[in-house]
Amino acid sequence: MRALVIAVLAAATLTACTTAEKTASGAGIGAAVGGAVSGSAGGAVVGALIGGFGTYLAETGDGMCQYRNSRGQVYTARCHWL
């Protein structure tokens, strides 16, 4: 069951478009792995933090982020907080 949850979350990460969606998917995978490895809610929280932050750093490393406009189109622009 745990392997199935991790596989589904990994697939969701591959289909994510925007930086926020990828960060959320990374946090979800981290929570699943952390919870599976430690068997506790605390491990899931730590895994979510590590997965989300790691994915965020990987996505924004070049200073560019992906956004979705009001028509649903995805575009790349400089991260607004950098």
PDB file of N, CA and C in Angstrom:
ATOM      1  N   MET A   1       0.829  -1.199   0.000  1.00  0.00           N
ATOM      2  CA  MET A   1       0.000   0.000   0.000  1.00  0.00           C
ATOM      3  C   MET A   1       0.869   1.256   0.000  1.00  0.00           C
ATOM      4  N   ARG A   2       1.931   1.262   0.808  1.00  0.00           N
ATOM      5  CA  ARG A   2       2.797   2.436   0.872  1.00  0.00           C
ATOM      6  C   ARG A   2       3.448   2.708  -0.470  1.00  0.00           C
ATOM      7  N   ALA A   3       3.887   1.643  -1.140  1.00  0.00           N
ATOM      8  CA  ALA A   3       4.526   1.812  -2.444  1.00  0.00           C
ATOM      9  C   ALA A   3       3.545   2.406  -3.450  1.00  0.00           C
ATOM     10  N   LEU A   4       2.291   2.020  -3.367  1.00  0.00           N
ATOM     11  CA  LEU A   4       1.274   2.565  -4.270  1.00  0.00           C
ATOM     12  C   LEU A   4       1.073   4.055  -4.028  1.00  0.00           C
ATOM     13  N   VAL A   5       1.013   4.455  -2.784  1.00  0.00           N
ATOM     14  CA  VAL A   5       0.843   5.878  -2.450  1.00  0.00           C
ATOM     15  C   VAL A   5       2.022   6.680  -2.971  1.00  0.00           C
ATOM     16  N   ILE A   6       3.224   6.180  -2.771  1.00  0.00           N
ATOM     17  CA  ILE A   6       4.416   6.889  -3.239  1.00  0.00           C
ATOM     18  C   ILE A   6       4.421   6.965  -4.767  1.00  0.00           C
ATOM     19  N   ALA A   7       4.026   5.888  -5.437  1.00  0.00           N
ATOM     20  CA  ALA A   7       3.976   5.894  -6.903  1.00  0.00           C
ATOM     21  C   ALA A   7       2.966   6.905  -7.419  1.00  0.00           C
ATOM     22  N   VAL A   8       1.809   6.986  -6.796  1.00  0.00           N
ATOM     23  CA  VAL A   8       0.786   7.948  -7.225  1.00  0.00           C
ATOM     24  C   VAL A   8       1.280   9.379  -7.018  1.00  0.00           C
ATOM     25  N   LEU A   9       1.909   9.650  -5.889  1.00  0.00           N
ATOM     26  CA  LEU A   9       2.424  10.995  -5.635  1.00  0.00           C
ATOM     27  C   LEU A   9       3.562  11.340  -6.589  1.00  0.00           C
ATOM     28  N   ALA A  10       4.393  10.374  -6.908  1.00  0.00           N
ATOM     29  CA  ALA A  10       5.475  10.613  -7.866  1.00  0.00           C
ATOM     30  C   ALA A  10       4.909  10.935  -9.241  1.00  0.00           C
ATOM     31  N   ALA A  11       3.870  10.248  -9.647  1.00  0.00           N
ATOM     32  CA  ALA A  11       3.218  10.526 -10.931  1.00  0.00           C
ATOM     33  C   ALA A  11       2.620  11.931 -10.932  1.00  0.00           C
ATOM     34  N   ALA A  12       2.069  12.345  -9.810  1.00  0.00           N
ATOM     35  CA  ALA A  12       1.501  13.696  -9.710  1.00  0.00           C
ATOM     36  C   ALA A  12       2.590  14.748  -9.858  1.00  0.00           C
ATOM     37  N   THR A  13       3.774  14.475  -9.348  1.00  0.00           N
ATOM     38  CA  THR A  13       4.882  15.413  -9.479  1.00  0.00           C
ATOM     39  C   THR A  13       5.272  15.573 -10.938  1.00  0.00           C
ATOM     40  N   LEU A  14       5.265  14.495 -11.683  1.00  0.00           N
ATOM     41  CA  LEU A  14       5.642  14.565 -13.090  1.00  0.00           C
ATOM     42  C   LEU A  14       4.625  15.341 -13.913  1.00  0.00           C
ATOM     43  N   THR A  15       3.368  15.358 -13.500  1.00  0.00           N
ATOM     44  CA  THR A  15       2.342  16.070 -14.251  1.00  0.00           C
ATOM     45  C   THR A  15       2.168  17.511 -13.778  1.00  0.00           C
ATOM     46  N   ALA A  16       2.803  17.894 -12.695  1.00  0.00           N
ATOM     47  CA  ALA A  16       2.683  19.256 -12.185  1.00  0.00           C
ATOM     48  C   ALA A  16       3.347  20.233 -13.150  1.00  0.00           C
ATOM     49  N   CYS A  17       2.749  21.403 -13.303  1.00  0.00           N
ATOM     50  CA  CYS A  17       3.266  22.396 -14.247  1.00  0.00           C
ATOM     51  C   CYS A  17       3.961  23.556 -13.553  1.00  0.00           C
ATOM     52  N   THR A  18       3.295  24.164 -12.608  1.00  0.00           N
ATOM     53  CA  THR A  18       3.822  25.374 -12.008  1.00  0.00           C
ATOM     54  C   THR A  18       4.749  25.057 -10.847  1.00  0.00           C
ATOM     55  N   THR A  19       5.521  26.040 -10.447  1.00  0.00           N
ATOM     56  CA  THR A  19       6.451  25.876  -9.337  1.00  0.00           C
ATOM     57  C   THR A  19       5.708  25.499  -8.067  1.00  0.00           C
ATOM     58  N   ALA A  20       4.567  26.126  -7.814  1.00  0.00           N
ATOM     59  CA  ALA A  20       3.791  25.818  -6.606  1.00  0.00           C
ATOM     60  C   ALA A  20       3.270  24.386  -6.636  1.00  0.00           C
ATOM     61  N   GLU A  21       2.810  23.926  -7.795  1.00  0.00           N
ATOM     62  CA  GLU A  21       2.303  22.557  -7.901  1.00  0.00           C
ATOM     63  C   GLU A  21       3.426  21.547  -7.678  1.00  0.00           C
ATOM     64  N   LYS A  22       4.602  21.815  -8.215  1.00  0.00           N
ATOM     65  CA  LYS A  22       5.735  20.908  -8.046  1.00  0.00           C
ATOM     66  C   LYS A  22       6.193  20.883  -6.586  1.00  0.00           C
ATOM     67  N   THR A  23       6.198  22.041  -5.937  1.00  0.00           N
ATOM     68  CA  THR A  23       6.593  22.099  -4.532  1.00  0.00           C
ATOM     69  C   THR A  23       5.604  21.323  -3.668  1.00  0.00           C
ATOM     70  N   ALA A  24       4.316  21.487  -3.940  1.00  0.00           N
ATOM     71  CA  ALA A  24       3.299  20.749  -3.180  1.00  0.00           C
ATOM     72  C   ALA A  24       3.430  19.245  -3.407  1.00  0.00           C
ATOM     73  N   SER A  25       3.711  18.842  -4.633  1.00  0.00           N
ATOM     74  CA  SER A  25       3.892  17.417  -4.917  1.00  0.00           C
ATOM     75  C   SER A  25       5.124  16.872  -4.211  1.00  0.00           C
ATOM     76  N   GLY A  26       6.191  17.650  -4.201  1.00  0.00           N
ATOM     77  CA  GLY A  26       7.403  17.233  -3.493  1.00  0.00           C
ATOM     78  C   GLY A  26       7.153  17.075  -2.011  1.00  0.00           C
ATOM     79  N   ALA A  27       6.351  17.967  -1.445  1.00  0.00           N
ATOM     80  CA  ALA A  27       6.002  17.855  -0.027  1.00  0.00           C
ATOM     81  C   ALA A  27       5.154  16.614   0.227  1.00  0.00           C
ATOM     82  N   GLY A  28       4.259  16.308  -0.694  1.00  0.00           N
ATOM     83  CA  GLY A  28       3.423  15.110  -0.545  1.00  0.00           C
ATOM     84  C   GLY A  28       4.242  13.836  -0.595  1.00  0.00           C
ATOM     85  N   ILE A  29       5.171  13.775  -1.529  1.00  0.00           N
ATOM     86  CA  ILE A  29       6.036  12.602  -1.616  1.00  0.00           C
ATOM     87  C   ILE A  29       6.910  12.502  -0.374  1.00  0.00           C
ATOM     88  N   GLY A  30       7.439  13.633   0.072  1.00  0.00           N
ATOM     89  CA  GLY A  30       8.257  13.633   1.288  1.00  0.00           C
ATOM     90  C   GLY A  30       7.477  13.162   2.496  1.00  0.00           C
ATOM     91  N   ALA A  31       6.221  13.576   2.608  1.00  0.00           N
ATOM     92  CA  ALA A  31       5.382  13.145   3.730  1.00  0.00           C
ATOM     93  C   ALA A  31       5.130  11.645   3.666  1.00  0.00           C
ATOM     94  N   ALA A  32       4.853  11.135   2.475  1.00  0.00           N
ATOM     95  CA  ALA A  32       4.605   9.700   2.328  1.00  0.00           C
ATOM     96  C   ALA A  32       5.845   8.890   2.673  1.00  0.00           C
ATOM     97  N   VAL A  33       6.982   9.313   2.185  1.00  0.00           N
ATOM     98  CA  VAL A  33       8.225   8.593   2.463  1.00  0.00           C
ATOM     99  C   VAL A  33       8.598   8.723   3.933  1.00  0.00           C
ATOM    100  N   GLY A  34       8.502   9.928   4.476  1.00  0.00           N
ATOM    101  CA  GLY A  34       8.832  10.132   5.892  1.00  0.00           C
ATOM    102  C   GLY A  34       7.936   9.336   6.811  1.00  0.00           C
ATOM    103  N   GLY A  35       6.653   9.304   6.501  1.00  0.00           N
ATOM    104  CA  GLY A  35       5.720   8.522   7.309  1.00  0.00           C
ATOM    105  C   GLY A  35       5.955   7.037   7.175  1.00  0.00           C
ATOM    106  N   ALA A  36       6.280   6.578   5.966  1.00  0.00           N
ATOM    107  CA  ALA A  36       6.527   5.154   5.743  1.00  0.00           C
ATOM    108  C   ALA A  36       7.803   4.689   6.428  1.00  0.00           C
ATOM    109  N   VAL A  37       8.829   5.516   6.379  1.00  0.00           N
ATOM    110  CA  VAL A  37      10.113   5.134   6.974  1.00  0.00           C
ATOM    111  C   VAL A  37      10.063   5.170   8.490  1.00  0.00           C
ATOM    112  N   SER A  38       9.474   6.226   9.047  1.00  0.00           N
ATOM    113  CA  SER A  38       9.473   6.377  10.506  1.00  0.00           C
ATOM    114  C   SER A  38       8.265   5.728  11.172  1.00  0.00           C
ATOM    115  N   GLY A  39       7.173   5.613  10.432  1.00  0.00           N
ATOM    116  CA  GLY A  39       5.950   5.062  11.011  1.00  0.00           C
ATOM    117  C   GLY A  39       5.268   6.006  11.984  1.00  0.00           C
ATOM    118  N   SER A  40       5.558   7.302  11.853  1.00  0.00           N
ATOM    119  CA  SER A  40       4.951   8.267  12.777  1.00  0.00           C
ATOM    120  C   SER A  40       4.529   9.530  12.028  1.00  0.00           C
ATOM    121  N   ALA A  41       3.648  10.288  12.665  1.00  0.00           N
ATOM    122  CA  ALA A  41       3.198  11.548  12.071  1.00  0.00           C
ATOM    123  C   ALA A  41       4.333  12.569  12.045  1.00  0.00           C
ATOM    124  N   GLY A  42       5.178  12.529  13.056  1.00  0.00           N
ATOM    125  CA  GLY A  42       6.319  13.446  13.096  1.00  0.00           C
ATOM    126  C   GLY A  42       7.255  13.216  11.923  1.00  0.00           C
ATOM    127  N   GLY A  43       7.473  11.953  11.579  1.00  0.00           N
ATOM    128  CA  GLY A  43       8.307  11.633  10.425  1.00  0.00           C
ATOM    129  C   GLY A  43       7.688  12.115   9.133  1.00  0.00           C
ATOM    130  N   ALA A  44       6.368  12.045   9.046  1.00  0.00           N
ATOM    131  CA  ALA A  44       5.672  12.538   7.858  1.00  0.00           C
ATOM    132  C   ALA A  44       5.815  14.049   7.731  1.00  0.00           C
ATOM    133  N   VAL A  45       5.745  14.753   8.850  1.00  0.00           N
ATOM    134  CA  VAL A  45       5.891  16.212   8.828  1.00  0.00           C
ATOM    135  C   VAL A  45       7.300  16.598   8.394  1.00  0.00           C
ATOM    136  N   VAL A  46       8.290  15.937   8.963  1.00  0.00           N
ATOM    137  CA  VAL A  46       9.674  16.222   8.591  1.00  0.00           C
ATOM    138  C   VAL A  46       9.904  15.902   7.115  1.00  0.00           C
ATOM    139  N   GLY A  47       9.376  14.779   6.652  1.00  0.00           N
ATOM    140  CA  GLY A  47       9.502  14.414   5.246  1.00  0.00           C
ATOM    141  C   GLY A  47       8.852  15.432   4.338  1.00  0.00           C
ATOM    142  N   ALA A  48       7.688  15.946   4.731  1.00  0.00           N
ATOM    143  CA  ALA A  48       7.002  16.963   3.931  1.00  0.00           C
ATOM    144  C   ALA A  48       7.824  18.237   3.839  1.00  0.00           C
ATOM    145  N   LEU A  49       8.402  18.648   4.941  1.00  0.00           N
ATOM    146  CA  LEU A  49       9.228  19.859   4.936  1.00  0.00           C
ATOM    147  C   LEU A  49      10.458  19.689   4.057  1.00  0.00           C
ATOM    148  N   ILE A  50      11.123  18.557   4.192  1.00  0.00           N
ATOM    149  CA  ILE A  50      12.322  18.309   3.392  1.00  0.00           C
ATOM    150  C   ILE A  50      11.964  18.186   1.914  1.00  0.00           C
ATOM    151  N   GLY A  51      10.925  17.410   1.601  1.00  0.00           N
ATOM    152  CA  GLY A  51      10.522  17.230   0.208  1.00  0.00           C
ATOM    153  C   GLY A  51      10.062  18.519  -0.447  1.00  0.00           C
ATOM    154  N   GLY A  52       9.251  19.282   0.251  1.00  0.00           N
ATOM    155  CA  GLY A  52       8.754  20.543  -0.303  1.00  0.00           C
ATOM    156  C   GLY A  52       9.852  21.564  -0.496  1.00  0.00           C
ATOM    157  N   PHE A  53      10.707  21.716   0.509  1.00  0.00           N
ATOM    158  CA  PHE A  53      11.782  22.704   0.426  1.00  0.00           C
ATOM    159  C   PHE A  53      12.806  22.298  -0.627  1.00  0.00           C
ATOM    160  N   GLY A  54      13.128  21.006  -0.683  1.00  0.00           N
ATOM    161  CA  GLY A  54      14.079  20.535  -1.685  1.00  0.00           C
ATOM    162  C   GLY A  54      13.572  20.744  -3.098  1.00  0.00           C
ATOM    163  N   THR A  55      12.302  20.459  -3.324  1.00  0.00           N
ATOM    164  CA  THR A  55      11.712  20.662  -4.646  1.00  0.00           C
ATOM    165  C   THR A  55      11.680  22.144  -4.993  1.00  0.00           C
ATOM    166  N   TYR A  56      11.343  22.970  -4.023  1.00  0.00           N
ATOM    167  CA  TYR A  56      11.311  24.419  -4.237  1.00  0.00           C
ATOM    168  C   TYR A  56      12.684  24.935  -4.648  1.00  0.00           C
ATOM    169  N   LEU A  57      13.733  24.498  -3.942  1.00  0.00           N
ATOM    170  CA  LEU A  57      15.086  24.950  -4.274  1.00  0.00           C
ATOM    171  C   LEU A  57      15.498  24.495  -5.668  1.00  0.00           C
ATOM    172  N   ALA A  58      15.140  23.277  -6.025  1.00  0.00           N
ATOM    173  CA  ALA A  58      15.477  22.770  -7.353  1.00  0.00           C
ATOM    174  C   ALA A  58      14.739  23.543  -8.442  1.00  0.00           C
ATOM    175  N   GLU A  59      13.506  23.922  -8.180  1.00  0.00           N
ATOM    176  CA  GLU A  59      12.700  24.619  -9.181  1.00  0.00           C
ATOM    177  C   GLU A  59      13.109  26.076  -9.359  1.00  0.00           C
ATOM    178  N   THR A  60      13.564  26.733  -8.309  1.00  0.00           N
ATOM    179  CA  THR A  60      13.861  28.165  -8.383  1.00  0.00           C
ATOM    180  C   THR A  60      15.357  28.447  -8.436  1.00  0.00           C
ATOM    181  N   GLY A  61      16.165  27.428  -8.607  1.00  0.00           N
ATOM    182  CA  GLY A  61      17.622  27.590  -8.603  1.00  0.00           C
ATOM    183  C   GLY A  61      18.130  28.533  -9.673  1.00  0.00           C
ATOM    184  N   ASP A  62      17.458  28.623 -10.803  1.00  0.00           N
ATOM    185  CA  ASP A  62      17.897  29.507 -11.881  1.00  0.00           C
ATOM    186  C   ASP A  62      17.221  30.872 -11.845  1.00  0.00           C
ATOM    187  N   GLY A  63      16.401  31.120 -10.839  1.00  0.00           N
ATOM    188  CA  GLY A  63      15.712  32.400 -10.707  1.00  0.00           C
ATOM    189  C   GLY A  63      14.453  32.517 -11.548  1.00  0.00           C
ATOM    190  N   MET A  64      14.069  31.428 -12.214  1.00  0.00           N
ATOM    191  CA  MET A  64      12.879  31.441 -13.059  1.00  0.00           C
ATOM    192  C   MET A  64      11.820  30.529 -12.446  1.00  0.00           C
ATOM    193  N   CYS A  65      10.568  30.944 -12.522  1.00  0.00           N
ATOM    194  CA  CYS A  65       9.454  30.178 -11.989  1.00  0.00           C
ATOM    195  C   CYS A  65       8.397  30.015 -13.075  1.00  0.00           C
ATOM    196  N   GLN A  66       7.564  28.997 -12.900  1.00  0.00           N
ATOM    197  CA  GLN A  66       6.462  28.810 -13.828  1.00  0.00           C
ATOM    198  C   GLN A  66       5.170  29.255 -13.153  1.00  0.00           C
ATOM    199  N   TYR A  67       4.344  29.941 -13.901  1.00  0.00           N
ATOM    200  CA  TYR A  67       3.083  30.460 -13.406  1.00  0.00           C
ATOM    201  C   TYR A  67       1.964  30.041 -14.351  1.00  0.00           C
ATOM    202  N   ARG A  68       0.725  30.113 -13.854  1.00  0.00           N
ATOM    203  CA  ARG A  68      -0.444  29.833 -14.684  1.00  0.00           C
ATOM    204  C   ARG A  68      -1.300  31.097 -14.706  1.00  0.00           C
ATOM    205  N   ASN A  69      -1.650  31.581 -15.902  1.00  0.00           N
ATOM    206  CA  ASN A  69      -2.461  32.794 -15.998  1.00  0.00           C
ATOM    207  C   ASN A  69      -3.952  32.460 -15.877  1.00  0.00           C
ATOM    208  N   SER A  70      -4.795  33.465 -15.997  1.00  0.00           N
ATOM    209  CA  SER A  70      -6.234  33.283 -15.796  1.00  0.00           C
ATOM    210  C   SER A  70      -6.885  32.422 -16.882  1.00  0.00           C
ATOM    211  N   ARG A  71      -6.210  32.244 -18.009  1.00  0.00           N
ATOM    212  CA  ARG A  71      -6.736  31.385 -19.077  1.00  0.00           C
ATOM    213  C   ARG A  71      -6.195  29.961 -18.987  1.00  0.00           C
ATOM    214  N   GLY A  72      -5.406  29.676 -17.945  1.00  0.00           N
ATOM    215  CA  GLY A  72      -4.874  28.335 -17.752  1.00  0.00           C
ATOM    216  C   GLY A  72      -3.575  28.062 -18.470  1.00  0.00           C
ATOM    217  N   GLN A  73      -3.011  29.061 -19.129  1.00  0.00           N
ATOM    218  CA  GLN A  73      -1.751  28.880 -19.843  1.00  0.00           C
ATOM    219  C   GLN A  73      -0.585  28.984 -18.868  1.00  0.00           C
ATOM    220  N   VAL A  74       0.389  28.107 -19.029  1.00  0.00           N
ATOM    221  CA  VAL A  74       1.581  28.113 -18.179  1.00  0.00           C
ATOM    222  C   VAL A  74       2.678  28.893 -18.890  1.00  0.00           C
ATOM    223  N   TYR A  75       3.329  29.797 -18.161  1.00  0.00           N
ATOM    224  CA  TYR A  75       4.427  30.567 -18.725  1.00  0.00           C
ATOM    225  C   TYR A  75       5.564  30.653 -17.707  1.00  0.00           C
ATOM    226  N   THR A  76       6.758  30.926 -18.183  1.00  0.00           N
ATOM    227  CA  THR A  76       7.941  31.029 -17.339  1.00  0.00           C
ATOM    228  C   THR A  76       8.379  32.483 -17.283  1.00  0.00           C
ATOM    229  N   ALA A  77       8.653  32.950 -16.065  1.00  0.00           N
ATOM    230  CA  ALA A  77       9.116  34.317 -15.855  1.00  0.00           C
ATOM    231  C   ALA A  77      10.015  34.334 -14.622  1.00  0.00           C
ATOM    232  N   ARG A  78      10.690  35.443 -14.426  1.00  0.00           N
ATOM    233  CA  ARG A  78      11.545  35.601 -13.251  1.00  0.00           C
ATOM    234  C   ARG A  78      10.681  35.493 -11.994  1.00  0.00           C
ATOM    235  N   CYS A  79      11.183  34.753 -10.995  1.00  0.00           N
ATOM    236  CA  CYS A  79      10.446  34.595  -9.735  1.00  0.00           C
ATOM    237  C   CYS A  79      10.209  35.972  -9.109  1.00  0.00           C
ATOM    238  N   HIS A  80       8.996  36.254  -8.720  1.00  0.00           N
ATOM    239  CA  HIS A  80       8.640  37.592  -8.252  1.00  0.00           C
ATOM    240  C   HIS A  80       9.243  37.935  -6.879  1.00  0.00           C
ATOM    241  N   TRP A  81       9.756  36.981  -6.152  1.00  0.00           N
ATOM    242  CA  TRP A  81      10.295  37.260  -4.822  1.00  0.00           C
ATOM    243  C   TRP A  81      11.818  37.336  -4.820  1.00  0.00           C
ATOM    244  N   LEU A  82      12.454  37.140  -5.972  1.00  0.00           N
ATOM    245  CA  LEU A  82      13.917  37.185  -6.036  1.00  0.00           C
ATOM    246  C   LEU A  82      14.405  38.538  -6.459  1.00  0.00           C
TER     247      LEU A  82
END
